Protein backbone atom coordinates (compact mmCIF):
# COMPACT_ATOMS: atom_id res chain seq x y z
CA GLY A 1 6.97 6.19 -13.16
CA GLY A 2 3.47 6.13 -11.85
CA LEU A 3 0.87 8.84 -11.76
CA GLY A 4 0.82 11.73 -9.37
CA THR A 5 -2.06 14.08 -8.72
CA ALA A 6 -2.43 17.77 -9.42
CA ALA A 7 -2.25 18.31 -5.63
CA SER A 8 0.79 16.08 -5.05
CA SER A 9 3.38 15.03 -7.60
CA GLU A 10 5.00 12.98 -4.83
CA LEU A 11 2.15 10.46 -4.85
CA ASP A 12 2.96 7.41 -6.99
CA VAL A 13 -0.28 5.66 -7.96
CA ARG A 14 -0.32 2.71 -10.34
CA ASN A 15 -3.03 0.66 -12.02
CA GLY A 16 -4.20 -2.12 -9.75
CA GLU A 17 -3.97 0.24 -6.79
CA GLY A 18 -7.31 1.96 -7.30
CA VAL A 19 -6.49 4.39 -10.09
CA VAL A 20 -10.05 4.19 -11.42
CA LEU A 21 -11.49 4.86 -7.95
CA TRP A 22 -8.99 7.66 -7.35
CA SER A 23 -10.22 9.36 -10.53
CA HIS A 24 -13.37 10.33 -8.62
CA ASP A 25 -11.35 12.08 -5.90
CA VAL A 26 -8.30 13.68 -7.53
CA GLY A 27 -9.80 15.40 -10.56
CA THR A 28 -6.59 15.23 -12.59
CA PHE A 29 -3.66 12.84 -12.65
CA VAL A 30 -0.24 14.14 -13.67
CA GLN A 31 2.59 12.18 -15.27
CA ASP A 32 5.90 13.85 -16.08
CA GLY A 33 4.26 17.24 -15.50
CA ALA A 34 1.45 16.69 -18.02
CA PRO A 35 -2.21 16.02 -17.20
CA VAL A 36 -3.42 12.46 -17.84
CA ARG A 37 -7.06 11.92 -18.77
CA SER A 38 -6.83 8.36 -20.13
CA LEU A 39 -6.98 5.28 -17.89
CA HIS A 40 -6.60 1.61 -18.76
CA VAL A 41 -9.27 -0.74 -17.41
CA TYR A 42 -9.44 -4.54 -17.51
CA GLY A 43 -12.92 -4.68 -19.04
CA SER A 44 -16.38 -3.16 -19.04
CA ALA A 45 -17.00 -4.25 -15.44
CA TRP A 46 -14.13 -1.96 -14.36
CA ASP A 47 -15.06 0.94 -16.64
CA LEU A 48 -16.07 3.16 -13.72
CA ALA A 49 -13.73 6.13 -14.08
CA ALA A 50 -15.05 9.59 -13.25
CA ASP A 51 -16.64 11.74 -15.94
CA GLY A 52 -14.02 13.44 -18.08
CA PHE A 53 -11.64 10.47 -18.15
CA ASP A 54 -11.25 8.36 -21.27
CA THR A 55 -10.95 4.64 -20.60
CA VAL A 56 -9.10 2.09 -22.70
CA THR A 57 -9.98 -1.59 -22.27
CA PHE A 58 -7.25 -4.21 -22.29
CA GLY A 59 -7.53 -6.79 -25.06
CA PRO A 60 -6.56 -10.47 -24.68
CA ALA A 61 -2.83 -9.67 -24.93
CA GLY A 62 -3.23 -7.06 -22.19
CA HIS A 63 -4.93 -9.57 -19.91
CA LEU A 64 -2.14 -12.09 -20.46
CA SER A 65 0.52 -9.46 -19.86
CA ALA A 66 -1.14 -8.32 -16.61
CA ALA A 67 -1.50 -11.92 -15.39
CA LEU A 68 2.16 -12.66 -16.11
CA ARG A 69 3.25 -9.46 -14.35
CA VAL A 70 1.24 -10.35 -11.24
CA ALA A 71 2.61 -13.91 -11.26
CA TRP A 72 6.17 -12.60 -11.65
CA GLN A 73 5.72 -10.22 -8.70
CA TRP A 74 4.10 -12.94 -6.59
CA PHE A 75 6.83 -15.50 -7.23
CA GLY A 76 9.51 -12.84 -6.79
CA SER A 77 8.25 -12.09 -3.29
CA TRP A 78 8.98 -15.69 -2.24
CA ARG A 79 12.74 -15.25 -2.47
């Protein structure tokens, strides 16, 4: 599943939907009842998470995987 927030476990936030920006507003993300303080970012230009969050940068394989996932979703929506 996606991430919820400490205030609302019903919220389902996923990377690509502003998780890094949300980090400035929510304070703590929660996944499966446990706090999450690590966020994946695409590169240094996106490394803008709030203080207190650890960021992990995607390597080349991560970029390829993300591109393929987006393409798969895009082509799937044409059916």
